[in-house]
Amino acid sequence: MSNWLDEVKWDAQGLVTAIAQDSATGRVLMVAWMNRESLQLTADTGIAHYWSRSRQKLWKKGEESGHLQTVQELRLDCDGDVIVMQIQQAGGIACHTGRESCFYRRFEQGGWTVVDAVLKDPDAIYQHKH
């Protein structure tokens, strides 16, 4: 029997795209990267774990902010190269900017317009500056 992780098509860096989608509303909250370890931890714990490319380390979503993502369902796309997670977002904030979603800018009239309010000041969420 093959390991379920072997069915994922990892990129050259050993990563796969991971989409976090609100299980209640269907809204895409964020897109990040997972490696084998973070996907295994996510499956084992039911809490979203990612691989931070900028910090080059494992990252438990909400470890600093308290905004954990409880995973309701994991899906793998037809090509095996994208994970979609149905999640419950603690605190209603997924973005490090203090917004519900990382997708808070909409293309309008030839430019990007901020359409979602900051729900909580990032300085009040995090202990350090970004």
C-alpha atoms as a PDB file:
ATOM      1  CA  MET A   1       0.000   0.000   0.000  1.00  0.00           C
ATOM      2  CA  SER A   2       1.443   3.372  -0.994  1.00  0.00           C
ATOM      3  CA  ASN A   3       1.849   6.238   1.420  1.00  0.00           C
ATOM      4  CA  TRP A   4      -0.836   8.877   0.814  1.00  0.00           C
ATOM      5  CA  LEU A   5       1.897  11.538   0.855  1.00  0.00           C
ATOM      6  CA  ASP A   6       3.483   9.885  -2.184  1.00  0.00           C
ATOM      7  CA  GLU A   7       0.356  10.719  -4.208  1.00  0.00           C
ATOM      8  CA  VAL A   8       1.134  14.429  -3.868  1.00  0.00           C
ATOM      9  CA  LYS A   9       3.176  15.938  -6.711  1.00  0.00           C
ATOM     10  CA  TRP A  10       5.778  17.930  -4.807  1.00  0.00           C
ATOM     11  CA  ASP A  11       7.650  20.647  -6.702  1.00  0.00           C
ATOM     12  CA  ALA A  12      11.455  20.768  -7.073  1.00  0.00           C
ATOM     13  CA  GLN A  13      11.737  22.292  -3.577  1.00  0.00           C
ATOM     14  CA  GLY A  14       9.547  19.559  -2.080  1.00  0.00           C
ATOM     15  CA  LEU A  15       6.545  21.869  -1.706  1.00  0.00           C
ATOM     16  CA  VAL A  16       2.889  21.871  -2.724  1.00  0.00           C
ATOM     17  CA  THR A  17       0.484  24.819  -2.932  1.00  0.00           C
ATOM     18  CA  ALA A  18      -2.073  24.831  -0.103  1.00  0.00           C
ATOM     19  CA  ILE A  19      -5.297  26.831  -0.151  1.00  0.00           C
ATOM     20  CA  ALA A  20      -7.177  27.573   3.082  1.00  0.00           C
ATOM     21  CA  GLN A  21     -10.888  28.081   2.459  1.00  0.00           C
ATOM     22  CA  ASP A  22     -13.471  29.012   5.093  1.00  0.00           C
ATOM     23  CA  SER A  23     -15.630  25.922   5.600  1.00  0.00           C
ATOM     24  CA  ALA A  24     -18.735  28.003   6.381  1.00  0.00           C
ATOM     25  CA  THR A  25     -18.581  30.682   3.678  1.00  0.00           C
ATOM     26  CA  GLY A  26     -16.344  29.146   0.996  1.00  0.00           C
ATOM     27  CA  ARG A  27     -14.152  32.258   0.945  1.00  0.00           C
ATOM     28  CA  VAL A  28     -10.487  31.693   0.105  1.00  0.00           C
ATOM     29  CA  LEU A  29      -8.600  32.993   3.130  1.00  0.00           C
ATOM     30  CA  MET A  30      -4.998  32.361   2.154  1.00  0.00           C
ATOM     31  CA  VAL A  31      -2.600  30.433  -0.038  1.00  0.00           C
ATOM     32  CA  ALA A  32       0.640  29.071   1.350  1.00  0.00           C
ATOM     33  CA  TRP A  33       3.062  26.180   0.899  1.00  0.00           C
ATOM     34  CA  MET A  34       3.318  22.788   2.549  1.00  0.00           C
ATOM     35  CA  ASN A  35       6.107  20.244   2.629  1.00  0.00           C
ATOM     36  CA  ARG A  36       5.681  16.572   3.583  1.00  0.00           C
ATOM     37  CA  GLU A  37       6.203  17.257   7.266  1.00  0.00           C
ATOM     38  CA  SER A  38       3.694  20.118   7.431  1.00  0.00           C
ATOM     39  CA  LEU A  39       1.045  18.153   5.524  1.00  0.00           C
ATOM     40  CA  GLN A  40       1.584  15.134   7.787  1.00  0.00           C
ATOM     41  CA  LEU A  41       1.320  17.372  10.895  1.00  0.00           C
ATOM     42  CA  THR A  42      -1.846  18.945   9.515  1.00  0.00           C
ATOM     43  CA  ALA A  43      -3.400  15.515   8.964  1.00  0.00           C
ATOM     44  CA  ASP A  44      -2.253  14.253  12.372  1.00  0.00           C
ATOM     45  CA  THR A  45      -3.293  17.272  14.464  1.00  0.00           C
ATOM     46  CA  GLY A  46      -6.208  18.777  12.539  1.00  0.00           C
ATOM     47  CA  ILE A  47      -4.463  22.172  12.740  1.00  0.00           C
ATOM     48  CA  ALA A  48      -2.995  23.753   9.582  1.00  0.00           C
ATOM     49  CA  HIS A  49       0.799  23.688   9.388  1.00  0.00           C
ATOM     50  CA  TYR A  50       2.760  25.227   6.526  1.00  0.00           C
ATOM     51  CA  TRP A  51       6.310  25.654   5.282  1.00  0.00           C
ATOM     52  CA  SER A  52       7.503  29.248   5.356  1.00  0.00           C
ATOM     53  CA  ARG A  53       9.651  29.882   2.304  1.00  0.00           C
ATOM     54  CA  SER A  54      10.845  33.241   3.635  1.00  0.00           C
ATOM     55  CA  ARG A  55      11.802  31.896   7.079  1.00  0.00           C
ATOM     56  CA  GLN A  56      12.733  28.417   5.809  1.00  0.00           C
ATOM     57  CA  LYS A  57      10.951  26.717   8.677  1.00  0.00           C
ATOM     58  CA  LEU A  58       7.840  24.837   9.661  1.00  0.00           C
ATOM     59  CA  TRP A  59       5.001  27.158  10.591  1.00  0.00           C
ATOM     60  CA  LYS A  60       1.926  26.304  12.637  1.00  0.00           C
ATOM     61  CA  LYS A  61      -0.670  28.842  11.506  1.00  0.00           C
ATOM     62  CA  GLY A  62      -1.654  30.911  14.523  1.00  0.00           C
ATOM     63  CA  GLU A  63       1.367  29.989  16.654  1.00  0.00           C
ATOM     64  CA  GLU A  64       2.079  33.683  17.288  1.00  0.00           C
ATOM     65  CA  SER A  65      -1.300  35.315  16.650  1.00  0.00           C
ATOM     66  CA  GLY A  66      -3.569  32.680  18.188  1.00  0.00           C
ATOM     67  CA  HIS A  67      -5.472  32.546  14.881  1.00  0.00           C
ATOM     68  CA  LEU A  68      -5.314  28.770  14.476  1.00  0.00           C
ATOM     69  CA  GLN A  69      -6.883  27.054  11.488  1.00  0.00           C
ATOM     70  CA  THR A  70      -8.831  23.929  12.416  1.00  0.00           C
ATOM     71  CA  VAL A  71      -8.996  21.683   9.364  1.00  0.00           C
ATOM     72  CA  GLN A  72     -12.389  20.149   8.571  1.00  0.00           C
ATOM     73  CA  GLU A  73     -11.363  18.526   5.285  1.00  0.00           C
ATOM     74  CA  LEU A  74      -8.274  18.044   3.116  1.00  0.00           C
ATOM     75  CA  ARG A  75      -8.554  17.609  -0.656  1.00  0.00           C
ATOM     76  CA  LEU A  76      -6.007  16.977  -3.390  1.00  0.00           C
ATOM     77  CA  ASP A  77      -6.703  18.272  -6.900  1.00  0.00           C
ATOM     78  CA  CYS A  78      -6.832  16.145 -10.066  1.00  0.00           C
ATOM     79  CA  ASP A  79      -3.175  16.824 -10.927  1.00  0.00           C
ATOM     80  CA  GLY A  80      -2.049  16.106  -7.382  1.00  0.00           C
ATOM     81  CA  ASP A  81      -0.253  19.443  -7.077  1.00  0.00           C
ATOM     82  CA  VAL A  82      -2.649  21.586  -5.012  1.00  0.00           C
ATOM     83  CA  ILE A  83      -4.147  20.963  -1.567  1.00  0.00           C
ATOM     84  CA  VAL A  84      -7.430  22.635  -0.570  1.00  0.00           C
ATOM     85  CA  MET A  85      -8.333  22.714   3.097  1.00  0.00           C
ATOM     86  CA  GLN A  86     -11.778  23.495   4.441  1.00  0.00           C
ATOM     87  CA  ILE A  87     -10.980  25.253   7.713  1.00  0.00           C
ATOM     88  CA  GLN A  88     -12.471  27.050  10.676  1.00  0.00           C
ATOM     89  CA  GLN A  89     -10.460  30.231  11.247  1.00  0.00           C
ATOM     90  CA  ALA A  90      -9.971  31.167  14.902  1.00  0.00           C
ATOM     91  CA  GLY A  91     -10.548  34.855  15.554  1.00  0.00           C
ATOM     92  CA  GLY A  92     -11.889  35.387  12.022  1.00  0.00           C
ATOM     93  CA  ILE A  93      -8.468  36.672  10.895  1.00  0.00           C
ATOM     94  CA  ALA A  94      -6.278  34.706   8.477  1.00  0.00           C
ATOM     95  CA  CYS A  95      -4.063  37.508   7.122  1.00  0.00           C
ATOM     96  CA  HIS A  96      -1.010  38.943   8.898  1.00  0.00           C
ATOM     97  CA  THR A  97      -2.400  42.398   7.986  1.00  0.00           C
ATOM     98  CA  GLY A  98      -5.258  41.811  10.453  1.00  0.00           C
ATOM     99  CA  ARG A  99      -7.878  41.076   7.796  1.00  0.00           C
ATOM    100  CA  GLU A 100     -10.195  38.104   7.364  1.00  0.00           C
ATOM    101  CA  SER A 101      -8.513  37.073   4.107  1.00  0.00           C
ATOM    102  CA  CYS A 102      -5.183  37.666   2.409  1.00  0.00           C
ATOM    103  CA  PHE A 103      -7.240  38.451  -0.711  1.00  0.00           C
ATOM    104  CA  TYR A 104      -8.400  41.895   0.359  1.00  0.00           C
ATOM    105  CA  ARG A 105      -7.535  43.785  -2.842  1.00  0.00           C
ATOM    106  CA  ARG A 106      -9.824  43.725  -5.878  1.00  0.00           C
ATOM    107  CA  PHE A 107      -8.890  44.807  -9.404  1.00  0.00           C
ATOM    108  CA  GLU A 108     -11.032  47.814 -10.296  1.00  0.00           C
ATOM    109  CA  GLN A 109     -10.668  50.407 -13.031  1.00  0.00           C
ATOM    110  CA  GLY A 110      -7.094  49.435 -13.876  1.00  0.00           C
ATOM    111  CA  GLY A 111      -5.739  49.139 -10.335  1.00  0.00           C
ATOM    112  CA  TRP A 112      -5.902  47.282  -7.019  1.00  0.00           C
ATOM    113  CA  THR A 113      -8.421  48.613  -4.496  1.00  0.00           C
ATOM    114  CA  VAL A 114      -8.472  47.596  -0.830  1.00  0.00           C
ATOM    115  CA  VAL A 115     -11.988  46.299  -0.204  1.00  0.00           C
ATOM    116  CA  ASP A 116     -11.699  44.602   3.210  1.00  0.00           C
ATOM    117  CA  ALA A 117     -11.189  46.435   6.475  1.00  0.00           C
ATOM    118  CA  VAL A 118      -8.472  45.670   9.007  1.00  0.00           C
ATOM    119  CA  LEU A 119     -10.257  43.818  11.812  1.00  0.00           C
ATOM    120  CA  LYS A 120      -7.362  44.097  14.260  1.00  0.00           C
ATOM    121  CA  ASP A 121      -4.153  46.112  14.136  1.00  0.00           C
ATOM    122  CA  PRO A 122      -1.263  43.762  13.335  1.00  0.00           C
ATOM    123  CA  ASP A 123       0.854  45.405  16.065  1.00  0.00           C
ATOM    124  CA  ALA A 124      -1.794  44.298  18.560  1.00  0.00           C
ATOM    125  CA  ILE A 125      -1.735  40.750  17.156  1.00  0.00           C
ATOM    126  CA  TYR A 126       2.009  40.107  16.971  1.00  0.00           C
ATOM    127  CA  GLN A 127       4.763  40.583  19.498  1.00  0.00           C
ATOM    128  CA  HIS A 128       7.228  41.799  16.845  1.00  0.00           C
ATOM    129  CA  LYS A 129       7.169  44.041  13.768  1.00  0.00           C
ATOM    130  CA  HIS A 130       6.839  42.527  10.274  1.00  0.00           C
END
